[in-house]
């Protein structure tokens, strides 16, 4: 993760698991407060009233080197995301439940939210298509190409 403040300050955070987003937001906001730079914007929240959306074209597998995301309809028909780690050394730092609900925030912009870890607020889950037509899911700190 990388942040550049208007005061010419650069911050880079390199981690390998854990509650990275929470740490990142705390770190950047503390530094921004001290040097007068911009704060991290608030995370998007699920709207009070459900938003109609259809993720059918997005359902499938998104694979990276260490992680597999499965975007599927849940038992109630609403979208869910499951996350699994491929590497044993990542599994000890990974505490997300296997299946999480996905809530639409602004489907026209591809913006959804889903919890990544228990006890933390939902984080953005963004869908987007590149010019070559490949579909991507950005969740947490990674954009992952649809593989199946």
Foldseek 3Di string as FASTA:
>chain_A
DWDAWPVGDIDDDDDQAAPVVVVVQVVQQVVCVVPVTDHDDDFDAFDPDADDDDCPVVAAWFDDPFKIWGWDQDPVRFIKIAMDTDDPVNVVRQAADGIWGWGDDDVVQQWIWTCRHPPDGTGTWGWDADPVGWIWIDGDHDITTGDD
